[in-house]
Amino acid sequence: MDVEELAKKAKLKDLKEIAKKHDIKLGRCPTKLTIAKKIPREELKALVGGSEK
């Protein structure tokens, strides 16, 4: 799965929590896709629950 598909399946609140944990600045109006691109891919996959490649 690519980042776009993973971002669609994740919840915005959960993405923001992961970004906050890694001290990532999000800006004024972050979208799910922009946050998903900034956080580590392993955590994004774990959040969605996908064990796919």
PDB file of N, CA and C in Angstrom:
ATOM      1  N   MET A   1       0.842  -1.195   0.000  1.00  0.00           N
ATOM      2  CA  MET A   1       0.000   0.000   0.000  1.00  0.00           C
ATOM      3  C   MET A   1       0.879   1.248   0.000  1.00  0.00           C
ATOM      4  N   ASP A   2       0.418   2.256  -0.698  1.00  0.00           N
ATOM      5  CA  ASP A   2       1.163   3.498  -0.674  1.00  0.00           C
ATOM      6  C   ASP A   2       0.609   4.418   0.416  1.00  0.00           C
ATOM      7  N   VAL A   3       1.277   5.537   0.594  1.00  0.00           N
ATOM      8  CA  VAL A   3       0.934   6.451   1.688  1.00  0.00           C
ATOM      9  C   VAL A   3      -0.486   7.000   1.530  1.00  0.00           C
ATOM     10  N   GLU A   4      -0.904   7.250   0.302  1.00  0.00           N
ATOM     11  CA  GLU A   4      -2.238   7.817   0.082  1.00  0.00           C
ATOM     12  C   GLU A   4      -3.337   6.866   0.560  1.00  0.00           C
ATOM     13  N   GLU A   5      -3.190   5.587   0.260  1.00  0.00           N
ATOM     14  CA  GLU A   5      -4.194   4.610   0.682  1.00  0.00           C
ATOM     15  C   GLU A   5      -4.208   4.459   2.196  1.00  0.00           C
ATOM     16  N   LEU A   6      -3.023   4.460   2.797  1.00  0.00           N
ATOM     17  CA  LEU A   6      -2.941   4.340   4.251  1.00  0.00           C
ATOM     18  C   LEU A   6      -3.558   5.558   4.922  1.00  0.00           C
ATOM     19  N   ALA A   7      -3.321   6.743   4.357  1.00  0.00           N
ATOM     20  CA  ALA A   7      -3.868   7.973   4.934  1.00  0.00           C
ATOM     21  C   ALA A   7      -5.394   7.971   4.889  1.00  0.00           C
ATOM     22  N   LYS A   8      -5.971   7.432   3.829  1.00  0.00           N
ATOM     23  CA  LYS A   8      -7.426   7.393   3.713  1.00  0.00           C
ATOM     24  C   LYS A   8      -8.050   6.509   4.780  1.00  0.00           C
ATOM     25  N   LYS A   9      -7.349   5.444   5.169  1.00  0.00           N
ATOM     26  CA  LYS A   9      -7.899   4.503   6.141  1.00  0.00           C
ATOM     27  C   LYS A   9      -7.707   4.966   7.586  1.00  0.00           C
ATOM     28  N   ALA A  10      -6.734   5.841   7.816  1.00  0.00           N
ATOM     29  CA  ALA A  10      -6.426   6.291   9.176  1.00  0.00           C
ATOM     30  C   ALA A  10      -7.367   7.426   9.588  1.00  0.00           C
ATOM     31  N   LYS A  11      -7.461   7.627  10.896  1.00  0.00           N
ATOM     32  CA  LYS A  11      -8.258   8.729  11.428  1.00  0.00           C
ATOM     33  C   LYS A  11      -7.340   9.919  11.666  1.00  0.00           C
ATOM     34  N   LEU A  12      -7.879  11.108  11.421  1.00  0.00           N
ATOM     35  CA  LEU A  12      -7.097  12.332  11.564  1.00  0.00           C
ATOM     36  C   LEU A  12      -6.583  12.507  12.988  1.00  0.00           C
ATOM     37  N   LYS A  13      -7.414  12.205  13.957  1.00  0.00           N
ATOM     38  CA  LYS A  13      -7.025  12.356  15.360  1.00  0.00           C
ATOM     39  C   LYS A  13      -5.818  11.475  15.689  1.00  0.00           C
ATOM     40  N   ASP A  14      -5.824  10.228  15.199  1.00  0.00           N
ATOM     41  CA  ASP A  14      -4.712   9.317  15.456  1.00  0.00           C
ATOM     42  C   ASP A  14      -3.438   9.784  14.759  1.00  0.00           C
ATOM     43  N   LEU A  15      -3.565  10.292  13.532  1.00  0.00           N
ATOM     44  CA  LEU A  15      -2.397  10.809  12.821  1.00  0.00           C
ATOM     45  C   LEU A  15      -1.776  11.988  13.562  1.00  0.00           C
ATOM     46  N   LYS A  16      -2.633  12.864  14.090  1.00  0.00           N
ATOM     47  CA  LYS A  16      -2.131  14.025  14.838  1.00  0.00           C
ATOM     48  C   LYS A  16      -1.418  13.595  16.122  1.00  0.00           C
ATOM     49  N   GLU A  17      -1.920  12.560  16.784  1.00  0.00           N
ATOM     50  CA  GLU A  17      -1.282  12.077  18.007  1.00  0.00           C
ATOM     51  C   GLU A  17       0.122  11.535  17.715  1.00  0.00           C
ATOM     52  N   ILE A  18       0.266  10.803  16.618  1.00  0.00           N
ATOM     53  CA  ILE A  18       1.578  10.278  16.248  1.00  0.00           C
ATOM     54  C   ILE A  18       2.524  11.426  15.909  1.00  0.00           C
ATOM     55  N   ALA A  19       2.041  12.418  15.177  1.00  0.00           N
ATOM     56  CA  ALA A  19       2.868  13.570  14.826  1.00  0.00           C
ATOM     57  C   ALA A  19       3.311  14.325  16.079  1.00  0.00           C
ATOM     58  N   LYS A  20       2.414  14.458  17.043  1.00  0.00           N
ATOM     59  CA  LYS A  20       2.746  15.151  18.290  1.00  0.00           C
ATOM     60  C   LYS A  20       3.804  14.373  19.066  1.00  0.00           C
ATOM     61  N   LYS A  21       3.703  13.043  19.045  1.00  0.00           N
ATOM     62  CA  LYS A  21       4.671  12.202  19.743  1.00  0.00           C
ATOM     63  C   LYS A  21       6.074  12.377  19.162  1.00  0.00           C
ATOM     64  N   HIS A  22       6.169  12.633  17.863  1.00  0.00           N
ATOM     65  CA  HIS A  22       7.463  12.797  17.189  1.00  0.00           C
ATOM     66  C   HIS A  22       7.860  14.260  17.049  1.00  0.00           C
ATOM     67  N   ASP A  23       7.134  15.169  17.680  1.00  0.00           N
ATOM     68  CA  ASP A  23       7.392  16.612  17.625  1.00  0.00           C
ATOM     69  C   ASP A  23       7.444  17.133  16.198  1.00  0.00           C
ATOM     70  N   ILE A  24       6.483  16.727  15.382  1.00  0.00           N
ATOM     71  CA  ILE A  24       6.400  17.175  13.995  1.00  0.00           C
ATOM     72  C   ILE A  24       5.441  18.359  13.934  1.00  0.00           C
ATOM     73  N   LYS A  25       5.900  19.460  13.366  1.00  0.00           N
ATOM     74  CA  LYS A  25       5.058  20.648  13.215  1.00  0.00           C
ATOM     75  C   LYS A  25       4.138  20.449  12.016  1.00  0.00           C
ATOM     76  N   LEU A  26       2.849  20.704  12.197  1.00  0.00           N
ATOM     77  CA  LEU A  26       1.866  20.415  11.162  1.00  0.00           C
ATOM     78  C   LEU A  26       1.395  21.632  10.385  1.00  0.00           C
ATOM     79  N   GLY A  27       1.545  22.811  10.911  1.00  0.00           N
ATOM     80  CA  GLY A  27       1.053  23.988  10.213  1.00  0.00           C
ATOM     81  C   GLY A  27      -0.393  24.289  10.585  1.00  0.00           C
ATOM     82  N   ARG A  28      -1.022  25.160   9.813  1.00  0.00           N
ATOM     83  CA  ARG A  28      -2.370  25.620  10.165  1.00  0.00           C
ATOM     84  C   ARG A  28      -3.465  24.627   9.841  1.00  0.00           C
ATOM     85  N   CYS A  29      -3.478  24.119   8.632  1.00  0.00           N
ATOM     86  CA  CYS A  29      -4.581  23.247   8.197  1.00  0.00           C
ATOM     87  C   CYS A  29      -4.023  21.951   7.610  1.00  0.00           C
ATOM     88  N   PRO A  30      -3.550  21.074   8.453  1.00  0.00           N
ATOM     89  CA  PRO A  30      -2.974  19.835   7.907  1.00  0.00           C
ATOM     90  C   PRO A  30      -4.058  18.873   7.419  1.00  0.00           C
ATOM     91  N   THR A  31      -3.781  18.202   6.327  1.00  0.00           N
ATOM     92  CA  THR A  31      -4.693  17.170   5.845  1.00  0.00           C
ATOM     93  C   THR A  31      -4.139  15.822   6.289  1.00  0.00           C
ATOM     94  N   LYS A  32      -4.960  14.797   6.150  1.00  0.00           N
ATOM     95  CA  LYS A  32      -4.509  13.453   6.532  1.00  0.00           C
ATOM     96  C   LYS A  32      -3.303  13.043   5.705  1.00  0.00           C
ATOM     97  N   LEU A  33      -3.287  13.406   4.427  1.00  0.00           N
ATOM     98  CA  LEU A  33      -2.199  13.009   3.551  1.00  0.00           C
ATOM     99  C   LEU A  33      -0.891  13.711   3.911  1.00  0.00           C
ATOM    100  N   THR A  34      -0.943  14.996   4.236  1.00  0.00           N
ATOM    101  CA  THR A  34       0.291  15.701   4.578  1.00  0.00           C
ATOM    102  C   THR A  34       0.881  15.176   5.885  1.00  0.00           C
ATOM    103  N   ILE A  35       0.030  14.850   6.832  1.00  0.00           N
ATOM    104  CA  ILE A  35       0.516  14.285   8.091  1.00  0.00           C
ATOM    105  C   ILE A  35       1.097  12.897   7.841  1.00  0.00           C
ATOM    106  N   ALA A  36       0.427  12.102   7.034  1.00  0.00           N
ATOM    107  CA  ALA A  36       0.884  10.739   6.746  1.00  0.00           C
ATOM    108  C   ALA A  36       2.240  10.732   6.068  1.00  0.00           C
ATOM    109  N   LYS A  37       2.519  11.730   5.257  1.00  0.00           N
ATOM    110  CA  LYS A  37       3.821  11.811   4.582  1.00  0.00           C
ATOM    111  C   LYS A  37       4.945  12.162   5.550  1.00  0.00           C
ATOM    112  N   LYS A  38       4.623  12.835   6.640  1.00  0.00           N
ATOM    113  CA  LYS A  38       5.647  13.288   7.592  1.00  0.00           C
ATOM    114  C   LYS A  38       5.960  12.274   8.679  1.00  0.00           C
ATOM    115  N   ILE A  39       5.005  11.438   9.056  1.00  0.00           N
ATOM    116  CA  ILE A  39       5.251  10.492  10.145  1.00  0.00           C
ATOM    117  C   ILE A  39       5.956   9.245   9.608  1.00  0.00           C
ATOM    118  N   PRO A  40       6.628   8.495  10.479  1.00  0.00           N
ATOM    119  CA  PRO A  40       7.303   7.262  10.037  1.00  0.00           C
ATOM    120  C   PRO A  40       6.323   6.266   9.434  1.00  0.00           C
ATOM    121  N   ARG A  41       6.718   5.656   8.338  1.00  0.00           N
ATOM    122  CA  ARG A  41       5.833   4.736   7.609  1.00  0.00           C
ATOM    123  C   ARG A  41       5.464   3.515   8.436  1.00  0.00           C
ATOM    124  N   GLU A  42       6.376   3.049   9.289  1.00  0.00           N
ATOM    125  CA  GLU A  42       6.084   1.880  10.115  1.00  0.00           C
ATOM    126  C   GLU A  42       4.927   2.152  11.061  1.00  0.00           C
ATOM    127  N   GLU A  43       4.912   3.353  11.638  1.00  0.00           N
ATOM    128  CA  GLU A  43       3.826   3.696  12.565  1.00  0.00           C
ATOM    129  C   GLU A  43       2.512   3.899  11.824  1.00  0.00           C
ATOM    130  N   LEU A  44       2.597   4.405  10.611  1.00  0.00           N
ATOM    131  CA  LEU A  44       1.387   4.574   9.808  1.00  0.00           C
ATOM    132  C   LEU A  44       0.778   3.220   9.485  1.00  0.00           C
ATOM    133  N   LYS A  45       1.603   2.262   9.121  1.00  0.00           N
ATOM    134  CA  LYS A  45       1.113   0.909   8.828  1.00  0.00           C
ATOM    135  C   LYS A  45       0.522   0.269  10.076  1.00  0.00           C
ATOM    136  N   ALA A  46       1.175   0.464  11.226  1.00  0.00           N
ATOM    137  CA  ALA A  46       0.677  -0.101  12.475  1.00  0.00           C
ATOM    138  C   ALA A  46      -0.672   0.520  12.855  1.00  0.00           C
ATOM    139  N   LEU A  47      -0.823   1.817  12.587  1.00  0.00           N
ATOM    140  CA  LEU A  47      -2.066   2.505  12.898  1.00  0.00           C
ATOM    141  C   LEU A  47      -3.216   1.949  12.070  1.00  0.00           C
ATOM    142  N   VAL A  48      -2.984   1.723  10.809  1.00  0.00           N
ATOM    143  CA  VAL A  48      -4.017   1.211   9.921  1.00  0.00           C
ATOM    144  C   VAL A  48      -4.257  -0.267  10.176  1.00  0.00           C
ATOM    145  N   GLY A  49      -3.231  -0.932  10.695  1.00  0.00           N
ATOM    146  CA  GLY A  49      -3.382  -2.352  10.995  1.00  0.00           C
ATOM    147  C   GLY A  49      -3.043  -3.232   9.819  1.00  0.00           C
ATOM    148  N   GLY A  50      -2.327  -2.674   8.883  1.00  0.00           N
ATOM    149  CA  GLY A  50      -1.977  -3.444   7.686  1.00  0.00           C
ATOM    150  C   GLY A  50      -0.621  -4.090   7.804  1.00  0.00           C
ATOM    151  N   SER A  51      -0.543  -5.358   7.506  1.00  0.00           N
ATOM    152  CA  SER A  51       0.744  -6.041   7.472  1.00  0.00           C
ATOM    153  C   SER A  51       1.189  -6.229   6.034  1.00  0.00           C
ATOM    154  N   GLU A  52       0.500  -5.512   5.108  1.00  0.00           N
ATOM    155  CA  GLU A  52       0.843  -5.611   3.702  1.00  0.00           C
ATOM    156  C   GLU A  52       2.132  -4.850   3.435  1.00  0.00           C
ATOM    157  N   LYS A  53       2.686  -5.089   2.247  1.00  0.00           N
ATOM    158  CA  LYS A  53       3.927  -4.409   1.869  1.00  0.00           C
ATOM    159  C   LYS A  53       3.640  -3.038   1.345  1.00  0.00           C
TER     160      LYS A  53
END
